[in-house]
Amino acid sequence: KEVSGTALKGYKVIMPYDEILKCFEDLSKVSNGKFLSIQYQVESLIKQRDILLSQLISGKTRLPKSFIEKFEAKTEAVSG
C-alpha cells in the first residue's frame, strides 16, 4: 500500500539532463495552461446551460421560430 522513505533509499534513480527537465517543464506548463483554460470554459458553459434551461422551462425565454425549424430539419435529416 505504501512505500516508506527508508525503503526507497536503497534504490538508484536515473535523472535526466537539466535541458531535458527544462523542456519537460515547459511542455507541462503549456499543457496545464490549456487544461485550465478548457476547464474554465466548460464550467462557464455549464452555468450558461443551466440558466438558459431554467428560463426555457419556466417560459421566461423563448427560442426563435427560425431556430426551432432549423433544429427540426437537422433532426429529421439525421434520423430519416
PDB file of N, CA and C in Angstrom:
ATOM      1  N   LYS A   1       0.809  -1.191   0.000  1.00  0.00           N
ATOM      2  CA  LYS A   1       0.000   0.000   0.000  1.00  0.00           C
ATOM      3  C   LYS A   1       0.854   1.257   0.000  1.00  0.00           C
ATOM      4  N   GLU A   2       1.816   1.302   0.870  1.00  0.00           N
ATOM      5  CA  GLU A   2       2.657   2.484   0.991  1.00  0.00           C
ATOM      6  C   GLU A   2       4.117   2.077   0.947  1.00  0.00           C
ATOM      7  N   VAL A   3       4.943   2.992   0.451  1.00  0.00           N
ATOM      8  CA  VAL A   3       6.386   2.753   0.420  1.00  0.00           C
ATOM      9  C   VAL A   3       7.032   3.811   1.299  1.00  0.00           C
ATOM     10  N   SER A   4       7.804   3.379   2.257  1.00  0.00           N
ATOM     11  CA  SER A   4       8.439   4.332   3.167  1.00  0.00           C
ATOM     12  C   SER A   4       9.697   4.915   2.528  1.00  0.00           C
ATOM     13  N   GLY A   5      10.109   6.053   3.044  1.00  0.00           N
ATOM     14  CA  GLY A   5      11.324   6.704   2.554  1.00  0.00           C
ATOM     15  C   GLY A   5      12.558   5.845   2.765  1.00  0.00           C
ATOM     16  N   THR A   6      12.600   5.122   3.844  1.00  0.00           N
ATOM     17  CA  THR A   6      13.769   4.271   4.107  1.00  0.00           C
ATOM     18  C   THR A   6      13.841   3.135   3.098  1.00  0.00           C
ATOM     19  N   ALA A   7      12.701   2.650   2.630  1.00  0.00           N
ATOM     20  CA  ALA A   7      12.701   1.577   1.642  1.00  0.00           C
ATOM     21  C   ALA A   7      13.229   2.073   0.303  1.00  0.00           C
ATOM     22  N   LEU A   8      12.997   3.348  -0.002  1.00  0.00           N
ATOM     23  CA  LEU A   8      13.439   3.903  -1.286  1.00  0.00           C
ATOM     24  C   LEU A   8      14.909   4.297  -1.298  1.00  0.00           C
ATOM     25  N   LYS A   9      15.512   4.480  -0.139  1.00  0.00           N
ATOM     26  CA  LYS A   9      16.902   4.930  -0.075  1.00  0.00           C
ATOM     27  C   LYS A   9      17.864   3.950  -0.739  1.00  0.00           C
ATOM     28  N   GLY A  10      17.517   2.716  -0.781  1.00  0.00           N
ATOM     29  CA  GLY A  10      18.410   1.714  -1.364  1.00  0.00           C
ATOM     30  C   GLY A  10      18.362   1.661  -2.883  1.00  0.00           C
ATOM     31  N   TYR A  11      17.453   2.379  -3.516  1.00  0.00           N
ATOM     32  CA  TYR A  11      17.302   2.336  -4.973  1.00  0.00           C
ATOM     33  C   TYR A  11      18.000   3.516  -5.627  1.00  0.00           C
ATOM     34  N   LYS A  12      18.628   3.246  -6.756  1.00  0.00           N
ATOM     35  CA  LYS A  12      19.253   4.312  -7.537  1.00  0.00           C
ATOM     36  C   LYS A  12      18.231   4.828  -8.545  1.00  0.00           C
ATOM     37  N   VAL A  13      18.234   6.135  -8.745  1.00  0.00           N
ATOM     38  CA  VAL A  13      17.302   6.767  -9.664  1.00  0.00           C
ATOM     39  C   VAL A  13      18.103   7.473 -10.749  1.00  0.00           C
ATOM     40  N   ILE A  14      17.718   7.244 -11.987  1.00  0.00           N
ATOM     41  CA  ILE A  14      18.375   7.911 -13.104  1.00  0.00           C
ATOM     42  C   ILE A  14      17.682   9.247 -13.331  1.00  0.00           C
ATOM     43  N   MET A  15      18.466  10.312 -13.319  1.00  0.00           N
ATOM     44  CA  MET A  15      17.921  11.647 -13.530  1.00  0.00           C
ATOM     45  C   MET A  15      18.323  12.136 -14.929  1.00  0.00           C
ATOM     46  N   PRO A  16      17.370  12.719 -15.656  1.00  0.00           N
ATOM     47  CA  PRO A  16      17.702  13.245 -16.989  1.00  0.00           C
ATOM     48  C   PRO A  16      18.539  14.526 -16.868  1.00  0.00           C
ATOM     49  N   TYR A  17      19.146  14.910 -17.978  1.00  0.00           N
ATOM     50  CA  TYR A  17      19.926  16.148 -18.013  1.00  0.00           C
ATOM     51  C   TYR A  17      19.008  17.341 -17.756  1.00  0.00           C
ATOM     52  N   ASP A  18      19.602  18.418 -17.278  1.00  0.00           N
ATOM     53  CA  ASP A  18      18.831  19.622 -16.966  1.00  0.00           C
ATOM     54  C   ASP A  18      18.065  20.143 -18.183  1.00  0.00           C
ATOM     55  N   GLU A  19      18.654  20.026 -19.382  1.00  0.00           N
ATOM     56  CA  GLU A  19      17.990  20.503 -20.602  1.00  0.00           C
ATOM     57  C   GLU A  19      16.690  19.728 -20.842  1.00  0.00           C
ATOM     58  N   ILE A  20      16.719  18.444 -20.596  1.00  0.00           N
ATOM     59  CA  ILE A  20      15.536  17.609 -20.785  1.00  0.00           C
ATOM     60  C   ILE A  20      14.485  17.955 -19.735  1.00  0.00           C
ATOM     61  N   LEU A  21      14.912  18.153 -18.501  1.00  0.00           N
ATOM     62  CA  LEU A  21      13.979  18.549 -17.445  1.00  0.00           C
ATOM     63  C   LEU A  21      13.324  19.891 -17.770  1.00  0.00           C
ATOM     64  N   LYS A  22      14.125  20.840 -18.266  1.00  0.00           N
ATOM     65  CA  LYS A  22      13.599  22.154 -18.621  1.00  0.00           C
ATOM     66  C   LYS A  22      12.580  22.037 -19.756  1.00  0.00           C
ATOM     67  N   CYS A  23      12.873  21.230 -20.750  1.00  0.00           N
ATOM     68  CA  CYS A  23      11.967  21.015 -21.871  1.00  0.00           C
ATOM     69  C   CYS A  23      10.658  20.401 -21.378  1.00  0.00           C
ATOM     70  N   PHE A  24      10.750  19.414 -20.527  1.00  0.00           N
ATOM     71  CA  PHE A  24       9.555  18.781 -19.962  1.00  0.00           C
ATOM     72  C   PHE A  24       8.743  19.783 -19.152  1.00  0.00           C
ATOM     73  N   GLU A  25       9.426  20.598 -18.370  1.00  0.00           N
ATOM     74  CA  GLU A  25       8.742  21.605 -17.557  1.00  0.00           C
ATOM     75  C   GLU A  25       7.991  22.592 -18.456  1.00  0.00           C
ATOM     76  N   ASP A  26       8.627  23.039 -19.538  1.00  0.00           N
ATOM     77  CA  ASP A  26       7.984  23.979 -20.456  1.00  0.00           C
ATOM     78  C   ASP A  26       6.749  23.361 -21.107  1.00  0.00           C
ATOM     79  N   LEU A  27       6.875  22.107 -21.547  1.00  0.00           N
ATOM     80  CA  LEU A  27       5.741  21.426 -22.159  1.00  0.00           C
ATOM     81  C   LEU A  27       4.612  21.213 -21.146  1.00  0.00           C
ATOM     82  N   SER A  28       4.976  20.901 -19.931  1.00  0.00           N
ATOM     83  CA  SER A  28       3.973  20.681 -18.883  1.00  0.00           C
ATOM     84  C   SER A  28       3.214  21.962 -18.580  1.00  0.00           C
ATOM     85  N   LYS A  29       3.914  23.090 -18.559  1.00  0.00           N
ATOM     86  CA  LYS A  29       3.260  24.368 -18.294  1.00  0.00           C
ATOM     87  C   LYS A  29       2.244  24.695 -19.386  1.00  0.00           C
ATOM     88  N   VAL A  30       2.620  24.446 -20.638  1.00  0.00           N
ATOM     89  CA  VAL A  30       1.707  24.716 -21.749  1.00  0.00           C
ATOM     90  C   VAL A  30       0.475  23.817 -21.638  1.00  0.00           C
ATOM     91  N   SER A  31       0.691  22.533 -21.399  1.00  0.00           N
ATOM     92  CA  SER A  31      -0.425  21.587 -21.275  1.00  0.00           C
ATOM     93  C   SER A  31      -1.320  21.952 -20.106  1.00  0.00           C
ATOM     94  N   ASN A  32      -0.731  22.294 -18.988  1.00  0.00           N
ATOM     95  CA  ASN A  32      -1.508  22.649 -17.810  1.00  0.00           C
ATOM     96  C   ASN A  32      -2.312  23.923 -18.061  1.00  0.00           C
ATOM     97  N   GLY A  33      -1.718  24.881 -18.747  1.00  0.00           N
ATOM     98  CA  GLY A  33      -2.423  26.121 -19.079  1.00  0.00           C
ATOM     99  C   GLY A  33      -3.619  25.861 -19.974  1.00  0.00           C
ATOM    100  N   LYS A  34      -3.434  24.999 -20.973  1.00  0.00           N
ATOM    101  CA  LYS A  34      -4.539  24.648 -21.867  1.00  0.00           C
ATOM    102  C   LYS A  34      -5.642  23.925 -21.092  1.00  0.00           C
ATOM    103  N   PHE A  35      -5.248  23.017 -20.226  1.00  0.00           N
ATOM    104  CA  PHE A  35      -6.221  22.270 -19.423  1.00  0.00           C
ATOM    105  C   PHE A  35      -7.051  23.217 -18.568  1.00  0.00           C
ATOM    106  N   LEU A  36      -6.395  24.150 -17.891  1.00  0.00           N
ATOM    107  CA  LEU A  36      -7.109  25.086 -17.023  1.00  0.00           C
ATOM    108  C   LEU A  36      -8.048  25.975 -17.834  1.00  0.00           C
ATOM    109  N   SER A  37      -7.612  26.381 -19.010  1.00  0.00           N
ATOM    110  CA  SER A  37      -8.449  27.209 -19.873  1.00  0.00           C
ATOM    111  C   SER A  37      -9.696  26.452 -20.315  1.00  0.00           C
ATOM    112  N   ILE A  38      -9.519  25.220 -20.728  1.00  0.00           N
ATOM    113  CA  ILE A  38     -10.653  24.398 -21.167  1.00  0.00           C
ATOM    114  C   ILE A  38     -11.584  24.129 -19.986  1.00  0.00           C
ATOM    115  N   GLN A  39     -11.023  23.855 -18.823  1.00  0.00           N
ATOM    116  CA  GLN A  39     -11.836  23.611 -17.630  1.00  0.00           C
ATOM    117  C   GLN A  39     -12.678  24.841 -17.306  1.00  0.00           C
ATOM    118  N   TYR A  40     -12.101  26.034 -17.404  1.00  0.00           N
ATOM    119  CA  TYR A  40     -12.844  27.264 -17.148  1.00  0.00           C
ATOM    120  C   TYR A  40     -13.979  27.426 -18.162  1.00  0.00           C
ATOM    121  N   GLN A  41     -13.699  27.141 -19.434  1.00  0.00           N
ATOM    122  CA  GLN A  41     -14.725  27.243 -20.473  1.00  0.00           C
ATOM    123  C   GLN A  41     -15.868  26.274 -20.221  1.00  0.00           C
ATOM    124  N   VAL A  42     -15.544  25.059 -19.831  1.00  0.00           N
ATOM    125  CA  VAL A  42     -16.579  24.056 -19.554  1.00  0.00           C
ATOM    126  C   VAL A  42     -17.462  24.513 -18.393  1.00  0.00           C
ATOM    127  N   GLU A  43     -16.846  24.989 -17.327  1.00  0.00           N
ATOM    128  CA  GLU A  43     -17.623  25.451 -16.179  1.00  0.00           C
ATOM    129  C   GLU A  43     -18.521  26.627 -16.562  1.00  0.00           C
ATOM    130  N   SER A  44     -18.013  27.520 -17.386  1.00  0.00           N
ATOM    131  CA  SER A  44     -18.798  28.656 -17.844  1.00  0.00           C
ATOM    132  C   SER A  44     -19.979  28.201 -18.702  1.00  0.00           C
ATOM    133  N   LEU A  45     -19.736  27.256 -19.606  1.00  0.00           N
ATOM    134  CA  LEU A  45     -20.812  26.735 -20.451  1.00  0.00           C
ATOM    135  C   LEU A  45     -21.869  25.995 -19.633  1.00  0.00           C
ATOM    136  N   ILE A  46     -21.447  25.288 -18.609  1.00  0.00           N
ATOM    137  CA  ILE A  46     -22.401  24.586 -17.743  1.00  0.00           C
ATOM    138  C   ILE A  46     -23.312  25.590 -17.049  1.00  0.00           C
ATOM    139  N   LYS A  47     -22.739  26.675 -16.532  1.00  0.00           N
ATOM    140  CA  LYS A  47     -23.546  27.708 -15.868  1.00  0.00           C
ATOM    141  C   LYS A  47     -24.534  28.329 -16.858  1.00  0.00           C
ATOM    142  N   GLN A  48     -24.057  28.641 -18.063  1.00  0.00           N
ATOM    143  CA  GLN A  48     -24.931  29.237 -19.077  1.00  0.00           C
ATOM    144  C   GLN A  48     -26.059  28.284 -19.456  1.00  0.00           C
ATOM    145  N   ARG A  49     -25.724  26.992 -19.619  1.00  0.00           N
ATOM    146  CA  ARG A  49     -26.734  25.995 -19.950  1.00  0.00           C
ATOM    147  C   ARG A  49     -27.799  25.914 -18.870  1.00  0.00           C
ATOM    148  N   ASP A  50     -27.359  25.882 -17.613  1.00  0.00           N
ATOM    149  CA  ASP A  50     -28.305  25.768 -16.503  1.00  0.00           C
ATOM    150  C   ASP A  50     -29.239  26.977 -16.445  1.00  0.00           C
ATOM    151  N   ILE A  51     -28.681  28.157 -16.653  1.00  0.00           N
ATOM    152  CA  ILE A  51     -29.506  29.375 -16.634  1.00  0.00           C
ATOM    153  C   ILE A  51     -30.501  29.354 -17.785  1.00  0.00           C
ATOM    154  N   LEU A  52     -30.011  29.054 -18.986  1.00  0.00           N
ATOM    155  CA  LEU A  52     -30.880  29.047 -20.159  1.00  0.00           C
ATOM    156  C   LEU A  52     -31.961  27.978 -20.040  1.00  0.00           C
ATOM    157  N   LEU A  53     -31.586  26.799 -19.575  1.00  0.00           N
ATOM    158  CA  LEU A  53     -32.557  25.711 -19.445  1.00  0.00           C
ATOM    159  C   LEU A  53     -33.672  26.076 -18.463  1.00  0.00           C
ATOM    160  N   SER A  54     -33.302  26.660 -17.335  1.00  0.00           N
ATOM    161  CA  SER A  54     -34.329  27.038 -16.359  1.00  0.00           C
ATOM    162  C   SER A  54     -35.240  28.131 -16.923  1.00  0.00           C
ATOM    163  N   GLN A  55     -34.685  29.039 -17.704  1.00  0.00           N
ATOM    164  CA  GLN A  55     -35.508  30.093 -18.315  1.00  0.00           C
ATOM    165  C   GLN A  55     -36.423  29.522 -19.388  1.00  0.00           C
ATOM    166  N   LEU A  56     -35.932  28.555 -20.149  1.00  0.00           N
ATOM    167  CA  LEU A  56     -36.767  27.928 -21.176  1.00  0.00           C
ATOM    168  C   LEU A  56     -37.907  27.141 -20.535  1.00  0.00           C
ATOM    169  N   ILE A  57     -37.600  26.398 -19.481  1.00  0.00           N
ATOM    170  CA  ILE A  57     -38.614  25.592 -18.815  1.00  0.00           C
ATOM    171  C   ILE A  57     -39.681  26.482 -18.172  1.00  0.00           C
ATOM    172  N   SER A  58     -39.254  27.592 -17.582  1.00  0.00           N
ATOM    173  CA  SER A  58     -40.205  28.481 -16.914  1.00  0.00           C
ATOM    174  C   SER A  58     -40.990  29.342 -17.898  1.00  0.00           C
ATOM    175  N   GLY A  59     -40.540  29.405 -19.152  1.00  0.00           N
ATOM    176  CA  GLY A  59     -41.223  30.221 -20.153  1.00  0.00           C
ATOM    177  C   GLY A  59     -40.748  31.655 -20.201  1.00  0.00           C
ATOM    178  N   LYS A  60     -39.738  31.999 -19.405  1.00  0.00           N
ATOM    179  CA  LYS A  60     -39.212  33.367 -19.410  1.00  0.00           C
ATOM    180  C   LYS A  60     -38.483  33.673 -20.714  1.00  0.00           C
ATOM    181  N   THR A  61     -37.946  32.641 -21.324  1.00  0.00           N
ATOM    182  CA  THR A  61     -37.212  32.794 -22.581  1.00  0.00           C
ATOM    183  C   THR A  61     -37.815  31.858 -23.606  1.00  0.00           C
ATOM    184  N   ARG A  62     -37.926  32.346 -24.826  1.00  0.00           N
ATOM    185  CA  ARG A  62     -38.441  31.527 -25.922  1.00  0.00           C
ATOM    186  C   ARG A  62     -37.416  31.504 -27.038  1.00  0.00           C
ATOM    187  N   LEU A  63     -37.335  30.367 -27.711  1.00  0.00           N
ATOM    188  CA  LEU A  63     -36.449  30.259 -28.865  1.00  0.00           C
ATOM    189  C   LEU A  63     -37.151  30.837 -30.089  1.00  0.00           C
ATOM    190  N   PRO A  64     -36.384  31.503 -30.962  1.00  0.00           N
ATOM    191  CA  PRO A  64     -36.990  31.999 -32.197  1.00  0.00           C
ATOM    192  C   PRO A  64     -37.504  30.841 -33.049  1.00  0.00           C
ATOM    193  N   LYS A  65     -38.584  31.067 -33.763  1.00  0.00           N
ATOM    194  CA  LYS A  65     -39.187  30.022 -34.588  1.00  0.00           C
ATOM    195  C   LYS A  65     -38.194  29.514 -35.633  1.00  0.00           C
ATOM    196  N   SER A  66     -37.368  30.414 -36.176  1.00  0.00           N
ATOM    197  CA  SER A  66     -36.385  30.007 -37.187  1.00  0.00           C
ATOM    198  C   SER A  66     -35.381  29.005 -36.609  1.00  0.00           C
ATOM    199  N   PHE A  67     -34.997  29.181 -35.349  1.00  0.00           N
ATOM    200  CA  PHE A  67     -34.075  28.252 -34.698  1.00  0.00           C
ATOM    201  C   PHE A  67     -34.715  26.883 -34.549  1.00  0.00           C
ATOM    202  N   ILE A  68     -35.961  26.868 -34.116  1.00  0.00           N
ATOM    203  CA  ILE A  68     -36.679  25.596 -33.929  1.00  0.00           C
ATOM    204  C   ILE A  68     -36.814  24.867 -35.263  1.00  0.00           C
ATOM    205  N   GLU A  69     -37.132  25.598 -36.320  1.00  0.00           N
ATOM    206  CA  GLU A  69     -37.274  24.980 -37.642  1.00  0.00           C
ATOM    207  C   GLU A  69     -35.950  24.393 -38.118  1.00  0.00           C
ATOM    208  N   LYS A  70     -34.843  25.116 -37.920  1.00  0.00           N
ATOM    209  CA  LYS A  70     -33.520  24.596 -38.306  1.00  0.00           C
ATOM    210  C   LYS A  70     -33.189  23.337 -37.509  1.00  0.00           C
ATOM    211  N   PHE A  71     -33.487  23.359 -36.210  1.00  0.00           N
ATOM    212  CA  PHE A  71     -33.214  22.208 -35.361  1.00  0.00           C
ATOM    213  C   PHE A  71     -34.031  21.000 -35.806  1.00  0.00           C
ATOM    214  N   GLU A  72     -35.303  21.218 -36.103  1.00  0.00           N
ATOM    215  CA  GLU A  72     -36.164  20.117 -36.539  1.00  0.00           C
ATOM    216  C   GLU A  72     -35.688  19.555 -37.875  1.00  0.00           C
ATOM    217  N   ALA A  73     -35.234  20.422 -38.778  1.00  0.00           N
ATOM    218  CA  ALA A  73     -34.746  19.957 -40.085  1.00  0.00           C
ATOM    219  C   ALA A  73     -33.491  19.108 -39.913  1.00  0.00           C
ATOM    220  N   LYS A  74     -32.594  19.533 -39.026  1.00  0.00           N
ATOM    221  CA  LYS A  74     -31.364  18.752 -38.775  1.00  0.00           C
ATOM    222  C   LYS A  74     -31.702  17.418 -38.119  1.00  0.00           C
ATOM    223  N   THR A  75     -32.659  17.416 -37.210  1.00  0.00           N
ATOM    224  CA  THR A  75     -33.062  16.200 -36.524  1.00  0.00           C
ATOM    225  C   THR A  75     -33.666  15.208 -37.510  1.00  0.00           C
ATOM    226  N   GLU A  76     -34.501  15.699 -38.423  1.00  0.00           N
ATOM    227  CA  GLU A  76     -35.109  14.828 -39.432  1.00  0.00           C
ATOM    228  C   GLU A  76     -34.049  14.270 -40.370  1.00  0.00           C
ATOM    229  N   ALA A  77     -33.066  15.064 -40.735  1.00  0.00           N
ATOM    230  CA  ALA A  77     -32.013  14.602 -41.632  1.00  0.00           C
ATOM    231  C   ALA A  77     -31.189  13.482 -41.003  1.00  0.00           C
ATOM    232  N   VAL A  78     -30.932  13.601 -39.713  1.00  0.00           N
ATOM    233  CA  VAL A  78     -30.140  12.597 -39.010  1.00  0.00           C
ATOM    234  C   VAL A  78     -30.929  11.317 -38.812  1.00  0.00           C
ATOM    235  N   SER A  79     -32.190  11.430 -38.422  1.00  0.00           N
ATOM    236  CA  SER A  79     -32.985  10.245 -38.119  1.00  0.00           C
ATOM    237  C   SER A  79     -33.619   9.631 -39.361  1.00  0.00           C
ATOM    238  N   GLY A  80     -33.733  10.405 -40.427  1.00  0.00           N
ATOM    239  CA  GLY A  80     -34.509   9.906 -41.526  1.00  0.00           C
ATOM    240  C   GLY A  80     -33.837   9.398 -42.692  1.00  0.00           C
TER     241      GLY A  80
END
